Amino acid sequence: MKAEIRIMVADDHPIFRQGLRQVIETDPGLRIVAETADGETTLERLPECDAEILVLDVDMPNKDGFEVARAIRAQRLPVKVIFLTMHKDERFFNTALDLGVKGYVLKDSAVTEIVASIRAVASGQEYVSPALTSFLLNRSRRATALVEEQPALVNLTPTERRILKLIAEYKTNKEVADELCLSRRTVEHHRANICEKLDIKGTHALLKFAVAHQSELS
C-alpha cells in the first residue's frame, strides 16, 4: 500500500485552516500532520513533523510566506511548498517560482484546487491556479525572448544555470559553494565560464545580468 502524503498547513486564520483540513482529508491518501499559524513556528516544527508538502499562506505574522520559503531553501529542508494567496500579482508569482515554490493556489479557489495541487506537487509536477495561466505564459515568453537575445544560454551546463540563478539571489561565492556542496574555487571557475560563454565583461556585469533576468532563467 502506498504511503500517505504527509502535509503541514500554515495559515493564521483557524477557520480557513479547519476548512482546508476538511477538504484535504476527504482524500484518504492525504494526512495533515501539523498546523501552524505563523512563519517562525512553521520553520520550528517542519523538521520534527517530517511533512512532505507544506501548504503555506503568503501573508502570515512572524515571517511571511516568502521569508519561510527562503529559509527552507537556505536550510535545504526536504519539503515541497505550495503557496496559498489572495494576491493576483505577477511580481509575487514570479518571486514565488524563483524561490522554488512548486504550487501557487489562489485562496478563493483553494477548496476546489487544493487536493489536486497537493497530488501534483507530491508527484514531482508543478501546479498553478488556472486563473493565473497568463502569468505562466508571460514567464515562458520572456524566457524564450531571453534565449533569442542570448542564444549562448543553451550552452550553459545545469550547474552553471543553477549558479547563475543563485547569483541572481545575491549569493556570494562562498554561499553558492555551500549550497551546491562545491569548493569556492570551483564556483569561481564556473562563474568565469559563464561570463565567457555569455560574453559578459566587467566586475559586476554578471550580477546585473542575473538579477535583471532572474524570472526568465530556468
Protein backbone atom coordinates (compact mmCIF):
# COMPACT_ATOMS: atom_id res chain seq x y z
CA MET A 1 0.00 0.00 0.00
CA LYS A 2 1.33 3.41 -0.97
CA ALA A 3 2.30 5.62 1.98
CA GLU A 4 0.15 8.60 2.84
CA ILE A 5 1.33 12.05 1.78
CA ARG A 6 2.23 13.99 4.93
CA ILE A 7 1.14 17.64 4.90
CA MET A 8 1.66 20.70 7.09
CA VAL A 9 -0.81 23.59 6.77
CA ALA A 10 0.43 27.06 7.75
CA ASP A 11 -2.19 29.81 7.86
CA ASP A 12 -3.01 32.33 10.56
CA HIS A 13 -6.80 32.00 10.16
CA PRO A 14 -8.07 28.99 12.18
CA ILE A 15 -11.42 28.83 10.38
CA PHE A 16 -9.69 28.72 7.00
CA ARG A 17 -7.29 26.03 8.29
CA GLN A 18 -10.24 23.98 9.51
CA GLY A 19 -11.90 24.25 6.10
CA LEU A 20 -8.70 23.16 4.35
CA ARG A 21 -8.34 20.19 6.70
CA GLN A 22 -11.88 19.04 5.93
CA VAL A 23 -11.27 19.26 2.17
CA ILE A 24 -7.80 17.69 2.22
CA GLU A 25 -8.83 14.78 4.42
CA THR A 26 -11.60 13.78 2.03
CA ASP A 27 -8.71 12.10 0.17
CA PRO A 28 -7.66 9.03 2.21
CA GLY A 29 -4.14 9.24 0.79
CA LEU A 30 -3.50 12.67 2.33
CA ARG A 31 -2.80 13.29 6.01
CA ILE A 32 -2.28 16.60 7.81
CA VAL A 33 0.45 16.05 10.38
CA ALA A 34 0.77 19.63 11.66
CA GLU A 35 -0.89 23.04 11.60
CA THR A 36 0.78 26.37 12.37
CA ALA A 37 -0.33 29.99 12.49
CA ASP A 38 2.89 31.96 11.91
CA GLY A 39 6.14 31.73 9.98
CA GLU A 40 8.56 31.16 12.84
CA THR A 41 6.56 28.29 14.30
CA THR A 42 6.30 26.77 10.84
CA LEU A 43 10.08 26.68 10.48
CA GLU A 44 10.48 25.30 14.01
CA ARG A 45 8.04 22.44 13.51
CA LEU A 46 8.86 21.44 9.93
CA PRO A 47 11.84 19.19 10.75
CA GLU A 48 10.04 17.35 13.55
CA CYS A 49 6.78 16.67 11.71
CA ASP A 50 8.54 15.31 8.61
CA ALA A 51 5.99 16.82 6.22
CA GLU A 52 6.42 16.15 2.51
CA ILE A 53 4.21 19.07 1.46
CA LEU A 54 3.86 22.49 3.10
CA VAL A 55 0.68 24.40 2.25
CA LEU A 56 1.81 27.91 3.12
CA ASP A 57 -0.12 31.16 3.37
CA VAL A 58 1.79 34.10 1.92
CA ASP A 59 0.50 36.61 4.49
CA MET A 60 1.45 35.46 7.98
CA PRO A 61 2.89 37.07 11.13
CA ASN A 62 6.45 36.41 12.35
CA LYS A 63 7.88 35.73 8.88
CA ASP A 64 5.66 35.78 5.83
CA GLY A 65 5.49 33.04 3.22
CA PHE A 66 8.37 34.42 1.20
CA GLU A 67 10.64 34.54 4.24
CA VAL A 68 9.68 30.98 5.15
CA ALA A 69 10.35 29.79 1.59
CA ARG A 70 13.78 31.46 1.61
CA ALA A 71 14.63 29.83 4.93
CA ILE A 72 13.51 26.41 3.66
CA ARG A 73 15.81 26.79 0.68
CA ALA A 74 18.73 28.04 2.78
CA GLN A 75 18.33 25.19 5.27
CA ARG A 76 17.71 22.64 2.49
CA LEU A 77 14.66 21.26 4.20
CA PRO A 78 13.18 18.35 2.21
CA VAL A 79 9.68 19.77 1.79
CA LYS A 80 7.80 20.98 -1.28
CA VAL A 81 5.95 24.27 -0.88
CA ILE A 82 2.51 25.22 -2.16
CA PHE A 83 1.70 28.90 -1.73
CA LEU A 84 -1.82 29.97 -0.79
CA THR A 85 -2.54 33.61 -1.56
CA MET A 86 -5.22 36.18 -2.26
CA HIS A 87 -2.77 38.15 -4.41
CA LYS A 88 -3.23 38.05 -8.18
CA ASP A 89 0.06 39.89 -8.56
CA GLU A 90 2.53 38.77 -11.21
CA ARG A 91 5.52 40.02 -9.22
CA PHE A 92 4.53 37.86 -6.25
CA PHE A 93 4.00 34.93 -8.60
CA ASN A 94 7.44 35.25 -10.20
CA THR A 95 9.16 35.72 -6.86
CA ALA A 96 7.50 32.55 -5.56
CA LEU A 97 8.63 30.47 -8.53
CA ASP A 98 12.12 31.95 -8.32
CA LEU A 99 12.25 30.69 -4.72
CA GLY A 100 11.45 27.16 -5.83
CA VAL A 101 7.79 27.11 -4.77
CA LYS A 102 6.11 24.19 -6.56
CA GLY A 103 2.47 25.22 -6.26
CA TYR A 104 0.66 28.56 -6.38
CA VAL A 105 -3.02 28.43 -5.44
CA LEU A 106 -5.44 31.32 -5.08
CA LYS A 107 -7.35 31.26 -1.81
CA ASP A 108 -10.68 31.90 -3.47
CA SER A 109 -10.32 28.63 -5.38
CA ALA A 110 -8.45 26.60 -2.75
CA VAL A 111 -11.46 24.45 -1.87
CA THR A 112 -11.66 23.07 -5.39
CA GLU A 113 -7.93 23.03 -6.17
CA ILE A 114 -6.02 22.14 -3.02
CA VAL A 115 -6.22 18.33 -3.32
CA ALA A 116 -5.22 18.42 -7.00
CA SER A 117 -2.34 20.77 -6.23
CA ILE A 118 -1.02 18.54 -3.44
CA ARG A 119 -1.27 15.44 -5.60
CA ALA A 120 0.50 17.17 -8.49
CA VAL A 121 3.33 18.58 -6.40
CA ALA A 122 3.85 15.32 -4.49
CA SER A 123 4.27 13.51 -7.82
CA GLY A 124 7.01 15.91 -8.94
CA GLN A 125 4.91 18.29 -11.04
CA GLU A 126 4.13 21.96 -10.55
CA TYR A 127 0.66 23.40 -10.03
CA VAL A 128 -0.65 26.90 -10.71
CA SER A 129 -4.26 28.02 -10.34
CA PRO A 130 -5.80 28.07 -13.84
CA ALA A 131 -6.79 31.72 -13.28
CA LEU A 132 -3.08 32.58 -13.36
CA THR A 133 -2.20 30.73 -16.57
CA SER A 134 -1.41 34.05 -18.25
CA PHE A 135 1.42 34.59 -15.73
CA LEU A 136 2.99 31.29 -16.78
CA LEU A 137 2.66 32.22 -20.44
CA ASN A 138 4.29 35.60 -19.82
CA ARG A 139 7.14 33.91 -17.96
CA SER A 140 7.62 31.46 -20.83
CA ARG A 141 7.59 34.24 -23.43
CA ARG A 142 10.23 36.20 -21.52
CA ALA A 143 12.40 33.10 -21.22
CA THR A 144 12.12 32.49 -24.98
CA ALA A 145 12.94 36.12 -25.73
CA LEU A 146 16.00 35.96 -23.47
CA VAL A 147 17.34 32.89 -25.28
CA GLU A 148 16.83 34.70 -28.60
CA GLU A 149 18.74 37.67 -27.19
CA GLN A 150 21.39 35.46 -25.58
CA PRO A 151 21.48 32.19 -27.58
CA ALA A 152 24.62 31.11 -25.69
CA LEU A 153 22.40 30.41 -22.66
CA VAL A 154 21.64 27.00 -24.14
CA ASN A 155 25.34 26.17 -23.84
CA LEU A 156 25.37 26.55 -20.06
CA THR A 157 25.59 23.34 -18.09
CA PRO A 158 22.91 22.56 -15.46
CA THR A 159 25.40 23.52 -12.74
CA GLU A 160 26.20 26.82 -14.46
CA ARG A 161 22.47 27.59 -14.75
CA ARG A 162 22.00 26.85 -11.06
CA ILE A 163 24.91 29.10 -10.16
CA LEU A 164 23.51 31.88 -12.34
CA LYS A 165 20.17 31.70 -10.50
CA LEU A 166 21.95 31.80 -7.14
CA ILE A 167 23.95 34.82 -8.27
CA ALA A 168 20.61 36.48 -9.09
CA GLU A 169 19.71 35.99 -5.41
CA TYR A 170 22.84 37.98 -4.46
CA LYS A 171 24.59 34.87 -3.13
CA THR A 172 28.34 35.20 -2.57
CA ASN A 173 30.75 32.64 -3.97
CA LYS A 174 31.01 31.08 -0.53
CA GLU A 175 27.23 30.83 -0.16
CA VAL A 176 26.90 29.31 -3.64
CA ALA A 177 29.67 26.84 -2.82
CA ASP A 178 27.98 25.84 0.44
CA GLU A 179 24.57 25.40 -1.18
CA LEU A 180 25.87 23.28 -4.05
CA CYS A 181 28.48 21.42 -2.00
CA LEU A 182 31.30 22.71 -4.19
CA SER A 183 34.61 24.35 -3.39
CA ARG A 184 34.82 28.12 -3.67
CA ARG A 185 37.45 27.77 -6.38
CA THR A 186 35.13 25.55 -8.42
CA VAL A 187 32.38 28.18 -8.19
CA GLU A 188 34.81 30.86 -9.33
CA HIS A 189 35.76 28.66 -12.27
CA HIS A 190 32.09 28.19 -13.20
CA ARG A 191 31.49 31.95 -12.97
CA ALA A 192 34.38 32.57 -15.35
CA ASN A 193 32.96 30.00 -17.78
CA ILE A 194 29.52 31.63 -17.64
CA CYS A 195 30.99 35.05 -18.38
CA GLU A 196 32.98 33.65 -21.29
CA LYS A 197 30.02 31.80 -22.80
CA LEU A 198 27.69 34.80 -22.47
CA ASP A 199 30.37 37.32 -23.44
CA ILE A 200 29.81 39.24 -20.20
CA LYS A 201 32.61 41.56 -19.15
CA GLY A 202 33.06 43.81 -16.12
CA THR A 203 33.31 43.38 -12.37
CA HIS A 204 29.58 43.41 -11.61
CA ALA A 205 28.22 42.67 -15.08
CA LEU A 206 27.33 39.05 -14.33
CA LEU A 207 25.39 40.03 -11.21
CA LYS A 208 23.50 42.74 -13.12
CA PHE A 209 22.62 40.28 -15.90
CA ALA A 210 21.46 37.58 -13.45
CA VAL A 211 19.30 39.96 -11.38
CA ALA A 212 17.73 41.56 -14.47
CA HIS A 213 16.71 38.17 -15.89
CA GLN A 214 16.05 36.15 -12.74
CA SER A 215 12.50 35.18 -13.65
CA GLU A 216 13.50 34.07 -17.13
CA LEU A 217 16.31 31.77 -16.05
CA SER A 218 15.45 28.10 -15.77
